[in-house]
PDB file of N, CA and C in Angstrom:
ATOM      1  N   MET A   1       0.844  -1.184   0.000  1.00  0.00           N
ATOM      2  CA  MET A   1       0.000   0.000   0.000  1.00  0.00           C
ATOM      3  C   MET A   1       0.887   1.244   0.000  1.00  0.00           C
ATOM      4  N   SER A   2       0.514   2.206  -0.791  1.00  0.00           N
ATOM      5  CA  SER A   2       1.331   3.391  -0.927  1.00  0.00           C
ATOM      6  C   SER A   2       0.637   4.601  -0.320  1.00  0.00           C
ATOM      7  N   VAL A   3       1.266   5.158   0.692  1.00  0.00           N
ATOM      8  CA  VAL A   3       0.766   6.385   1.307  1.00  0.00           C
ATOM      9  C   VAL A   3       1.934   7.358   1.366  1.00  0.00           C
ATOM     10  N   GLU A   4       1.607   8.631   1.419  1.00  0.00           N
ATOM     11  CA  GLU A   4       2.652   9.644   1.444  1.00  0.00           C
ATOM     12  C   GLU A   4       3.303   9.687   2.829  1.00  0.00           C
ATOM     13  N   LYS A   5       4.651   9.639   2.814  1.00  0.00           N
ATOM     14  CA  LYS A   5       5.415   9.694   4.066  1.00  0.00           C
ATOM     15  C   LYS A   5       6.438  10.816   3.991  1.00  0.00           C
ATOM     16  N   THR A   6       6.864  11.280   5.170  1.00  0.00           N
ATOM     17  CA  THR A   6       7.930  12.280   5.236  1.00  0.00           C
ATOM     18  C   THR A   6       9.253  11.581   4.971  1.00  0.00           C
ATOM     19  N   GLU A   7      10.315  12.358   4.857  1.00  0.00           N
ATOM     20  CA  GLU A   7      11.630  11.741   4.613  1.00  0.00           C
ATOM     21  C   GLU A   7      12.066  10.842   5.764  1.00  0.00           C
ATOM     22  N   ASN A   8      11.482  11.040   6.965  1.00  0.00           N
ATOM     23  CA  ASN A   8      11.813  10.186   8.115  1.00  0.00           C
ATOM     24  C   ASN A   8      10.859   9.007   8.280  1.00  0.00           C
ATOM     25  N   GLY A   9       9.928   8.837   7.338  1.00  0.00           N
ATOM     26  CA  GLY A   9       9.050   7.667   7.376  1.00  0.00           C
ATOM     27  C   GLY A   9       7.741   7.838   8.126  1.00  0.00           C
ATOM     28  N   TYR A  10       7.423   9.075   8.515  1.00  0.00           N
ATOM     29  CA  TYR A  10       6.155   9.337   9.198  1.00  0.00           C
ATOM     30  C   TYR A  10       5.078   9.618   8.156  1.00  0.00           C
ATOM     31  N   LEU A  11       3.844   9.192   8.428  1.00  0.00           N
ATOM     32  CA  LEU A  11       2.756   9.468   7.487  1.00  0.00           C
ATOM     33  C   LEU A  11       2.503  10.971   7.429  1.00  0.00           C
ATOM     34  N   VAL A  12       2.245  11.466   6.232  1.00  0.00           N
ATOM     35  CA  VAL A  12       1.932  12.880   6.056  1.00  0.00           C
ATOM     36  C   VAL A  12       0.523  13.156   6.603  1.00  0.00           C
ATOM     37  N   ASP A  13      -0.400  12.220   6.392  1.00  0.00           N
ATOM     38  CA  ASP A  13      -1.780  12.383   6.859  1.00  0.00           C
ATOM     39  C   ASP A  13      -2.158  11.215   7.774  1.00  0.00           C
ATOM     40  N   ALA A  14      -2.405  11.512   9.053  1.00  0.00           N
ATOM     41  CA  ALA A  14      -2.754  10.471  10.035  1.00  0.00           C
ATOM     42  C   ALA A  14      -4.009   9.704   9.632  1.00  0.00           C
ATOM     43  N   ASN A  15      -4.856  10.314   8.791  1.00  0.00           N
ATOM     44  CA  ASN A  15      -6.081   9.644   8.350  1.00  0.00           C
ATOM     45  C   ASN A  15      -5.817   8.528   7.349  1.00  0.00           C
ATOM     46  N   ASP A  16      -4.608   8.489   6.782  1.00  0.00           N
ATOM     47  CA  ASP A  16      -4.240   7.407   5.850  1.00  0.00           C
ATOM     48  C   ASP A  16      -3.907   6.113   6.587  1.00  0.00           C
ATOM     49  N   TRP A  17      -3.753   6.191   7.912  1.00  0.00           N
ATOM     50  CA  TRP A  17      -3.288   5.058   8.708  1.00  0.00           C
ATOM     51  C   TRP A  17      -4.295   3.912   8.734  1.00  0.00           C
ATOM     52  N   THR A  18      -3.763   2.696   8.613  1.00  0.00           N
ATOM     53  CA  THR A  18      -4.555   1.475   8.814  1.00  0.00           C
ATOM     54  C   THR A  18      -3.672   0.499   9.579  1.00  0.00           C
ATOM     55  N   LYS A  19      -4.276  -0.568  10.089  1.00  0.00           N
ATOM     56  CA  LYS A  19      -3.478  -1.588  10.779  1.00  0.00           C
ATOM     57  C   LYS A  19      -2.465  -2.225   9.824  1.00  0.00           C
ATOM     58  N   GLU A  20      -2.847  -2.345   8.541  1.00  0.00           N
ATOM     59  CA  GLU A  20      -1.931  -2.936   7.550  1.00  0.00           C
ATOM     60  C   GLU A  20      -0.696  -2.057   7.386  1.00  0.00           C
ATOM     61  N   ILE A  21      -0.912  -0.748   7.341  1.00  0.00           N
ATOM     62  CA  ILE A  21       0.222   0.175   7.237  1.00  0.00           C
ATOM     63  C   ILE A  21       1.080   0.070   8.491  1.00  0.00           C
ATOM     64  N   ALA A  22       0.440  -0.012   9.648  1.00  0.00           N
ATOM     65  CA  ALA A  22       1.186  -0.156  10.904  1.00  0.00           C
ATOM     66  C   ALA A  22       2.034  -1.428  10.863  1.00  0.00           C
ATOM     67  N   GLU A  23       1.467  -2.518  10.345  1.00  0.00           N
ATOM     68  CA  GLU A  23       2.223  -3.774  10.263  1.00  0.00           C
ATOM     69  C   GLU A  23       3.442  -3.626   9.353  1.00  0.00           C
ATOM     70  N   GLU A  24       3.290  -2.869   8.259  1.00  0.00           N
ATOM     71  CA  GLU A  24       4.435  -2.617   7.372  1.00  0.00           C
ATOM     72  C   GLU A  24       5.520  -1.825   8.104  1.00  0.00           C
ATOM     73  N   ILE A  25       5.093  -0.810   8.868  1.00  0.00           N
ATOM     74  CA  ILE A  25       6.071   0.016   9.594  1.00  0.00           C
ATOM     75  C   ILE A  25       6.722  -0.806  10.707  1.00  0.00           C
ATOM     76  N   PHE A  26       5.947  -1.640  11.410  1.00  0.00           N
ATOM     77  CA  PHE A  26       6.544  -2.542  12.409  1.00  0.00           C
ATOM     78  C   PHE A  26       7.655  -3.360  11.753  1.00  0.00           C
ATOM     79  N   ALA A  27       7.381  -3.915  10.574  1.00  0.00           N
ATOM     80  CA  ALA A  27       8.374  -4.739   9.861  1.00  0.00           C
ATOM     81  C   ALA A  27       9.603  -3.907   9.495  1.00  0.00           C
ATOM     82  N   GLU A  28       9.374  -2.684   8.987  1.00  0.00           N
ATOM     83  CA  GLU A  28      10.494  -1.800   8.649  1.00  0.00           C
ATOM     84  C   GLU A  28      11.334  -1.486   9.879  1.00  0.00           C
ATOM     85  N   GLU A  29      10.683  -1.376  11.028  1.00  0.00           N
ATOM     86  CA  GLU A  29      11.372  -1.050  12.284  1.00  0.00           C
ATOM     87  C   GLU A  29      11.945  -2.307  12.937  1.00  0.00           C
ATOM     88  N   ASP A  30      11.721  -3.457  12.307  1.00  0.00           N
ATOM     89  CA  ASP A  30      12.227  -4.737  12.804  1.00  0.00           C
ATOM     90  C   ASP A  30      11.629  -5.120  14.161  1.00  0.00           C
ATOM     91  N   ILE A  31      10.307  -4.893  14.285  1.00  0.00           N
ATOM     92  CA  ILE A  31       9.576  -5.224  15.516  1.00  0.00           C
ATOM     93  C   ILE A  31       8.460  -6.194  15.156  1.00  0.00           C
ATOM     94  N   VAL A  32       8.362  -7.286  15.916  1.00  0.00           N
ATOM     95  CA  VAL A  32       7.249  -8.224  15.753  1.00  0.00           C
ATOM     96  C   VAL A  32       6.212  -7.822  16.801  1.00  0.00           C
ATOM     97  N   PRO A  33       5.079  -7.261  16.359  1.00  0.00           N
ATOM     98  CA  PRO A  33       4.123  -6.704  17.316  1.00  0.00           C
ATOM     99  C   PRO A  33       3.353  -7.751  18.117  1.00  0.00           C
ATOM    100  N   THR A  34       3.200  -7.452  19.407  1.00  0.00           N
ATOM    101  CA  THR A  34       2.362  -8.253  20.312  1.00  0.00           C
ATOM    102  C   THR A  34       1.121  -7.411  20.622  1.00  0.00           C
ATOM    103  N   GLN A  35       0.204  -7.959  21.385  1.00  0.00           N
ATOM    104  CA  GLN A  35      -0.974  -7.176  21.791  1.00  0.00           C
ATOM    105  C   GLN A  35      -0.528  -5.942  22.580  1.00  0.00           C
ATOM    106  N   GLU A  36       0.530  -6.068  23.353  1.00  0.00           N
ATOM    107  CA  GLU A  36       1.006  -4.918  24.125  1.00  0.00           C
ATOM    108  C   GLU A  36       1.490  -3.795  23.203  1.00  0.00           C
ATOM    109  N   HIS A  37       2.144  -4.152  22.086  1.00  0.00           N
ATOM    110  CA  HIS A  37       2.550  -3.125  21.115  1.00  0.00           C
ATOM    111  C   HIS A  37       1.313  -2.390  20.584  1.00  0.00           C
ATOM    112  N   TRP A  38       0.281  -3.158  20.231  1.00  0.00           N
ATOM    113  CA  TRP A  38      -0.946  -2.558  19.693  1.00  0.00           C
ATOM    114  C   TRP A  38      -1.607  -1.662  20.738  1.00  0.00           C
ATOM    115  N   ASP A  39      -1.547  -2.072  22.020  1.00  0.00           N
ATOM    116  CA  ASP A  39      -2.113  -1.246  23.094  1.00  0.00           C
ATOM    117  C   ASP A  39      -1.430   0.123  23.123  1.00  0.00           C
ATOM    118  N   VAL A  40      -0.108   0.123  22.994  1.00  0.00           N
ATOM    119  CA  VAL A  40       0.652   1.382  23.004  1.00  0.00           C
ATOM    120  C   VAL A  40       0.258   2.244  21.797  1.00  0.00           C
ATOM    121  N   ILE A  41       0.177   1.619  20.626  1.00  0.00           N
ATOM    122  CA  ILE A  41      -0.170   2.355  19.407  1.00  0.00           C
ATOM    123  C   ILE A  41      -1.580   2.953  19.527  1.00  0.00           C
ATOM    124  N   GLU A  42      -2.532   2.162  20.009  1.00  0.00           N
ATOM    125  CA  GLU A  42      -3.902   2.657  20.167  1.00  0.00           C
ATOM    126  C   GLU A  42      -3.949   3.816  21.158  1.00  0.00           C
ATOM    127  N   TYR A  43      -3.203   3.679  22.259  1.00  0.00           N
ATOM    128  CA  TYR A  43      -3.141   4.741  23.265  1.00  0.00           C
ATOM    129  C   TYR A  43      -2.575   6.021  22.646  1.00  0.00           C
ATOM    130  N   MET A  44      -1.503   5.891  21.875  1.00  0.00           N
ATOM    131  CA  MET A  44      -0.868   7.065  21.286  1.00  0.00           C
ATOM    132  C   MET A  44      -1.794   7.756  20.283  1.00  0.00           C
ATOM    133  N   ARG A  45      -2.479   6.959  19.479  1.00  0.00           N
ATOM    134  CA  ARG A  45      -3.423   7.546  18.507  1.00  0.00           C
ATOM    135  C   ARG A  45      -4.549   8.289  19.230  1.00  0.00           C
ATOM    136  N   GLU A  46      -5.054   7.680  20.296  1.00  0.00           N
ATOM    137  CA  GLU A  46      -6.098   8.312  21.105  1.00  0.00           C
ATOM    138  C   GLU A  46      -5.616   9.645  21.674  1.00  0.00           C
ATOM    139  N   GLN A  47      -4.428   9.631  22.271  1.00  0.00           N
ATOM    140  CA  GLN A  47      -3.888  10.836  22.899  1.00  0.00           C
ATOM    141  C   GLN A  47      -3.692  11.965  21.890  1.00  0.00           C
ATOM    142  N   VAL A  48      -3.102  11.643  20.752  1.00  0.00           N
ATOM    143  CA  VAL A  48      -2.802  12.675  19.762  1.00  0.00           C
ATOM    144  C   VAL A  48      -4.063  13.129  19.031  1.00  0.00           C
ATOM    145  N   LEU A  49      -4.854  12.177  18.534  1.00  0.00           N
ATOM    146  CA  LEU A  49      -6.002  12.537  17.691  1.00  0.00           C
ATOM    147  C   LEU A  49      -7.220  13.001  18.492  1.00  0.00           C
ATOM    148  N   ASP A  50      -7.472  12.370  19.644  1.00  0.00           N
ATOM    149  CA  ASP A  50      -8.661  12.716  20.421  1.00  0.00           C
ATOM    150  C   ASP A  50      -8.384  13.777  21.488  1.00  0.00           C
ATOM    151  N   GLU A  51      -7.205  13.686  22.120  1.00  0.00           N
ATOM    152  CA  GLU A  51      -6.884  14.588  23.233  1.00  0.00           C
ATOM    153  C   GLU A  51      -6.000  15.759  22.800  1.00  0.00           C
ATOM    154  N   GLY A  52      -5.383  15.656  21.613  1.00  0.00           N
ATOM    155  CA  GLY A  52      -4.503  16.718  21.146  1.00  0.00           C
ATOM    156  C   GLY A  52      -3.207  16.820  21.913  1.00  0.00           C
ATOM    157  N   GLN A  53      -2.786  15.698  22.531  1.00  0.00           N
ATOM    158  CA  GLN A  53      -1.560  15.691  23.329  1.00  0.00           C
ATOM    159  C   GLN A  53      -0.589  14.658  22.790  1.00  0.00           C
ATOM    160  N   GLU A  54       0.686  15.011  22.829  1.00  0.00           N
ATOM    161  CA  GLU A  54       1.718  14.056  22.421  1.00  0.00           C
ATOM    162  C   GLU A  54       2.258  13.389  23.679  1.00  0.00           C
ATOM    163  N   PRO A  55       1.992  12.088  23.861  1.00  0.00           N
ATOM    164  CA  PRO A  55       2.414  11.423  25.096  1.00  0.00           C
ATOM    165  C   PRO A  55       3.929  11.281  25.189  1.00  0.00           C
ATOM    166  N   ASN A  56       4.443  11.450  26.415  1.00  0.00           N
ATOM    167  CA  ASN A  56       5.864  11.209  26.638  1.00  0.00           C
ATOM    168  C   ASN A  56       6.042   9.821  27.249  1.00  0.00           C
ATOM    169  N   GLU A  57       7.294   9.423  27.440  1.00  0.00           N
ATOM    170  CA  GLU A  57       7.579   8.068  27.938  1.00  0.00           C
ATOM    171  C   GLU A  57       6.866   7.790  29.266  1.00  0.00           C
ATOM    172  N   ARG A  58       6.962   8.729  30.178  1.00  0.00           N
ATOM    173  CA  ARG A  58       6.368   8.516  31.504  1.00  0.00           C
ATOM    174  C   ARG A  58       4.856   8.316  31.399  1.00  0.00           C
ATOM    175  N   GLY A  59       4.203   9.132  30.579  1.00  0.00           N
ATOM    176  CA  GLY A  59       2.754   9.004  30.390  1.00  0.00           C
ATOM    177  C   GLY A  59       2.367   7.664  29.780  1.00  0.00           C
ATOM    178  N   ILE A  60       3.163   7.215  28.827  1.00  0.00           N
ATOM    179  CA  ILE A  60       2.892   5.915  28.180  1.00  0.00           C
ATOM    180  C   ILE A  60       3.036   4.792  29.206  1.00  0.00           C
ATOM    181  N   MET A  61       4.116   4.829  30.000  1.00  0.00           N
ATOM    182  CA  MET A  61       4.343   3.771  30.998  1.00  0.00           C
ATOM    183  C   MET A  61       3.216   3.733  32.025  1.00  0.00           C
ATOM    184  N   LYS A  62       2.782   4.907  32.463  1.00  0.00           N
ATOM    185  CA  LYS A  62       1.716   4.992  33.457  1.00  0.00           C
ATOM    186  C   LYS A  62       0.409   4.416  32.894  1.00  0.00           C
ATOM    187  N   ALA A  63       0.063   4.826  31.670  1.00  0.00           N
ATOM    188  CA  ALA A  63      -1.186   4.362  31.044  1.00  0.00           C
ATOM    189  C   ALA A  63      -1.153   2.851  30.795  1.00  0.00           C
ATOM    190  N   MET A  64      -0.015   2.340  30.328  1.00  0.00           N
ATOM    191  CA  MET A  64       0.082   0.908  30.043  1.00  0.00           C
ATOM    192  C   MET A  64       0.110   0.099  31.335  1.00  0.00           C
ATOM    193  N   GLY A  65       0.713   0.653  32.380  1.00  0.00           N
ATOM    194  CA  GLY A  65       0.707  -0.011  33.683  1.00  0.00           C
ATOM    195  C   GLY A  65      -0.712  -0.220  34.168  1.00  0.00           C
ATOM    196  N   LYS A  66      -1.543   0.819  33.991  1.00  0.00           N
ATOM    197  CA  LYS A  66      -2.952   0.734  34.371  1.00  0.00           C
ATOM    198  C   LYS A  66      -3.666  -0.318  33.527  1.00  0.00           C
ATOM    199  N   LYS A  67      -3.455  -0.256  32.221  1.00  0.00           N
ATOM    200  CA  LYS A  67      -4.133  -1.164  31.298  1.00  0.00           C
ATOM    201  C   LYS A  67      -3.717  -2.618  31.527  1.00  0.00           C
ATOM    202  N   TRP A  68      -2.417  -2.836  31.739  1.00  0.00           N
ATOM    203  CA  TRP A  68      -1.888  -4.197  31.862  1.00  0.00           C
ATOM    204  C   TRP A  68      -1.886  -4.718  33.299  1.00  0.00           C
ATOM    205  N   GLY A  69      -2.180  -3.845  34.261  1.00  0.00           N
ATOM    206  CA  GLY A  69      -2.233  -4.266  35.657  1.00  0.00           C
ATOM    207  C   GLY A  69      -0.884  -4.662  36.237  1.00  0.00           C
ATOM    208  N   LYS A  70       0.170  -3.967  35.781  1.00  0.00           N
ATOM    209  CA  LYS A  70       1.508  -4.234  36.322  1.00  0.00           C
ATOM    210  C   LYS A  70       2.356  -2.985  36.169  1.00  0.00           C
ATOM    211  N   LYS A  71       3.441  -2.937  36.921  1.00  0.00           N
ATOM    212  CA  LYS A  71       4.356  -1.798  36.801  1.00  0.00           C
ATOM    213  C   LYS A  71       5.126  -1.947  35.495  1.00  0.00           C
ATOM    214  N   VAL A  72       5.153  -0.897  34.711  1.00  0.00           N
ATOM    215  CA  VAL A  72       5.856  -0.917  33.433  1.00  0.00           C
ATOM    216  C   VAL A  72       7.066   0.001  33.562  1.00  0.00           C
ATOM    217  N   SER A  73       8.236  -0.555  33.308  1.00  0.00           N
ATOM    218  CA  SER A  73       9.463   0.239  33.434  1.00  0.00           C
ATOM    219  C   SER A  73       9.885   0.787  32.078  1.00  0.00           C
ATOM    220  N   SER A  74      10.783   1.737  32.152  1.00  0.00           N
ATOM    221  CA  SER A  74      11.369   2.306  30.942  1.00  0.00           C
ATOM    222  C   SER A  74      12.074   1.190  30.159  1.00  0.00           C
ATOM    223  N   LYS A  75      12.700   0.285  30.894  1.00  0.00           N
ATOM    224  CA  LYS A  75      13.396  -0.852  30.268  1.00  0.00           C
ATOM    225  C   LYS A  75      12.403  -1.711  29.467  1.00  0.00           C
ATOM    226  N   ASP A  76      11.217  -1.950  30.037  1.00  0.00           N
ATOM    227  CA  ASP A  76      10.168  -2.717  29.340  1.00  0.00           C
ATOM    228  C   ASP A  76       9.792  -2.021  28.034  1.00  0.00           C
ATOM    229  N   MET A  77       9.587  -0.714  28.119  1.00  0.00           N
ATOM    230  CA  MET A  77       9.161   0.044  26.943  1.00  0.00           C
ATOM    231  C   MET A  77      10.230   0.038  25.853  1.00  0.00           C
ATOM    232  N   TYR A  78      11.494   0.202  26.250  1.00  0.00           N
ATOM    233  CA  TYR A  78      12.571   0.208  25.261  1.00  0.00           C
ATOM    234  C   TYR A  78      12.825  -1.189  24.692  1.00  0.00           C
ATOM    235  N   ALA A  79      12.465  -2.226  25.432  1.00  0.00           N
ATOM    236  CA  ALA A  79      12.563  -3.589  24.889  1.00  0.00           C
ATOM    237  C   ALA A  79      11.528  -3.754  23.770  1.00  0.00           C
ATOM    238  N   MET A  80      10.372  -3.134  23.944  1.00  0.00           N
ATOM    239  CA  MET A  80       9.313  -3.203  22.931  1.00  0.00           C
ATOM    240  C   MET A  80       9.588  -2.267  21.749  1.00  0.00           C
ATOM    241  N   PHE A  81      10.059  -1.068  22.053  1.00  0.00           N
ATOM    242  CA  PHE A  81      10.307  -0.027  21.044  1.00  0.00           C
ATOM    243  C   PHE A  81      11.732   0.498  21.214  1.00  0.00           C
ATOM    244  N   PRO A  82      12.723  -0.236  20.684  1.00  0.00           N
ATOM    245  CA  PRO A  82      14.128   0.138  20.907  1.00  0.00           C
ATOM    246  C   PRO A  82      14.505   1.514  20.370  1.00  0.00           C
ATOM    247  N   GLY A  83      13.751   2.023  19.405  1.00  0.00           N
ATOM    248  CA  GLY A  83      14.059   3.334  18.832  1.00  0.00           C
ATOM    249  C   GLY A  83      13.379   4.472  19.569  1.00  0.00           C
ATOM    250  N   MET A  84      13.055   4.305  20.819  1.00  0.00           N
ATOM    251  CA  MET A  84      12.388   5.260  21.705  1.00  0.00           C
ATOM    252  C   MET A  84      10.873   5.095  21.581  1.00  0.00           C
ATOM    253  N   PRO A  85      10.232   4.639  22.658  1.00  0.00           N
ATOM    254  CA  PRO A  85       8.799   4.351  22.621  1.00  0.00           C
ATOM    255  C   PRO A  85       7.920   5.465  22.054  1.00  0.00           C
ATOM    256  N   SER A  86       8.130   6.693  22.499  1.00  0.00           N
ATOM    257  CA  SER A  86       7.245   7.760  22.013  1.00  0.00           C
ATOM    258  C   SER A  86       7.476   8.015  20.523  1.00  0.00           C
ATOM    259  N   LYS A  87       8.717   8.023  20.080  1.00  0.00           N
ATOM    260  CA  LYS A  87       8.989   8.296  18.665  1.00  0.00           C
ATOM    261  C   LYS A  87       8.530   7.157  17.763  1.00  0.00           C
ATOM    262  N   GLN A  88       8.898   5.920  18.097  1.00  0.00           N
ATOM    263  CA  GLN A  88       8.467   4.792  17.267  1.00  0.00           C
ATOM    264  C   GLN A  88       6.962   4.606  17.349  1.00  0.00           C
ATOM    265  N   GLY A  89       6.389   4.862  18.510  1.00  0.00           N
ATOM    266  CA  GLY A  89       4.935   4.751  18.666  1.00  0.00           C
ATOM    267  C   GLY A  89       4.200   5.722  17.753  1.00  0.00           C
ATOM    268  N   LEU A  90       4.706   6.956  17.675  1.00  0.00           N
ATOM    269  CA  LEU A  90       4.098   7.950  16.787  1.00  0.00           C
ATOM    270  C   LEU A  90       4.215   7.509  15.340  1.00  0.00           C
ATOM    271  N   LYS A  91       5.394   7.020  14.982  1.00  0.00           N
ATOM    272  CA  LYS A  91       5.651   6.612  13.596  1.00  0.00           C
ATOM    273  C   LYS A  91       4.744   5.443  13.199  1.00  0.00           C
ATOM    274  N   ILE A  92       4.726   4.402  14.022  1.00  0.00           N
ATOM    275  CA  ILE A  92       3.927   3.215  13.713  1.00  0.00           C
ATOM    276  C   ILE A  92       2.436   3.543  13.768  1.00  0.00           C
ATOM    277  N   GLY A  93       2.074   4.479  14.636  1.00  0.00           N
ATOM    278  CA  GLY A  93       0.678   4.893  14.762  1.00  0.00           C
ATOM    279  C   GLY A  93       0.220   5.850  13.671  1.00  0.00           C
ATOM    280  N   GLY A  94       1.119   6.169  12.732  1.00  0.00           N
ATOM    281  CA  GLY A  94       0.748   7.049  11.627  1.00  0.00           C
ATOM    282  C   GLY A  94       0.578   8.493  12.032  1.00  0.00           C
ATOM    283  N   LEU A  95       1.237   8.873  13.127  1.00  0.00           N
ATOM    284  CA  LEU A  95       1.083  10.217  13.683  1.00  0.00           C
ATOM    285  C   LEU A  95       2.266  11.109  13.314  1.00  0.00           C
ATOM    286  N   PRO A  96       2.106  12.427  13.455  1.00  0.00           N
ATOM    287  CA  PRO A  96       3.202  13.331  13.103  1.00  0.00           C
ATOM    288  C   PRO A  96       4.445  13.092  13.965  1.00  0.00           C
ATOM    289  N   GLN A  97       5.597  13.373  13.381  1.00  0.00           N
ATOM    290  CA  GLN A  97       6.864  13.208  14.090  1.00  0.00           C
ATOM    291  C   GLN A  97       6.920  14.141  15.287  1.00  0.00           C
ATOM    292  N   SER A  98       7.503  13.641  16.361  1.00  0.00           N
ATOM    293  CA  SER A  98       7.643  14.402  17.589  1.00  0.00           C
ATOM    294  C   SER A  98       8.560  15.610  17.381  1.00  0.00           C
ATOM    295  N   THR A  99       8.186  16.682  18.021  1.00  0.00           N
ATOM    296  CA  THR A  99       9.046  17.864  18.006  1.00  0.00           C
ATOM    297  C   THR A  99       9.718  18.008  19.357  1.00  0.00           C
ATOM    298  N   ARG A 100       9.391  17.099  20.276  1.00  0.00           N
ATOM    299  CA  ARG A 100       9.905  17.147  21.633  1.00  0.00           C
ATOM    300  C   ARG A 100      11.291  16.516  21.700  1.00  0.00           C
ATOM    301  N   LYS A 101      12.096  17.028  22.614  1.00  0.00           N
ATOM    302  CA  LYS A 101      13.421  16.436  22.828  1.00  0.00           C
ATOM    303  C   LYS A 101      13.364  15.610  24.098  1.00  0.00           C
ATOM    304  N   GLY A 102      14.055  14.484  24.119  1.00  0.00           N
ATOM    305  CA  GLY A 102      14.136  13.676  25.342  1.00  0.00           C
ATOM    306  C   GLY A 102      12.839  12.946  25.652  1.00  0.00           C
ATOM    307  N   GLY A 103      12.868  12.165  26.709  1.00  0.00           N
ATOM    308  CA  GLY A 103      11.744  11.285  27.013  1.00  0.00           C
ATOM    309  C   GLY A 103      10.764  11.834  28.028  1.00  0.00           C
ATOM    310  N   TYR A 104      11.104  12.917  28.726  1.00  0.00           N
ATOM    311  CA  TYR A 104      10.211  13.356  29.819  1.00  0.00           C
ATOM    312  C   TYR A 104       9.669  14.744  29.626  1.00  0.00           C
TER     313      TYR A 104
END
């Protein structure tokens, strides 16, 4: 499937996003997605598209800890998204590239 992307691989239009596109980006990022990966992506899309907020690492860990019923560490998140959870999450979720520096 062909959708317009920026030079860094982010979708130009978040409305072009589908699960199939996300699966292609997961493959490009060399990540085999689990349900937990999808939970993070869904959370990020909700935050950006519905709430107008770009989640940071701490916010993602807190939200996923609640959803999964366990403490989620930064180490857990980086094991899932080695290229930085918030940045890779935005990319795979078809969202605009982060303008924020750092994780917090």
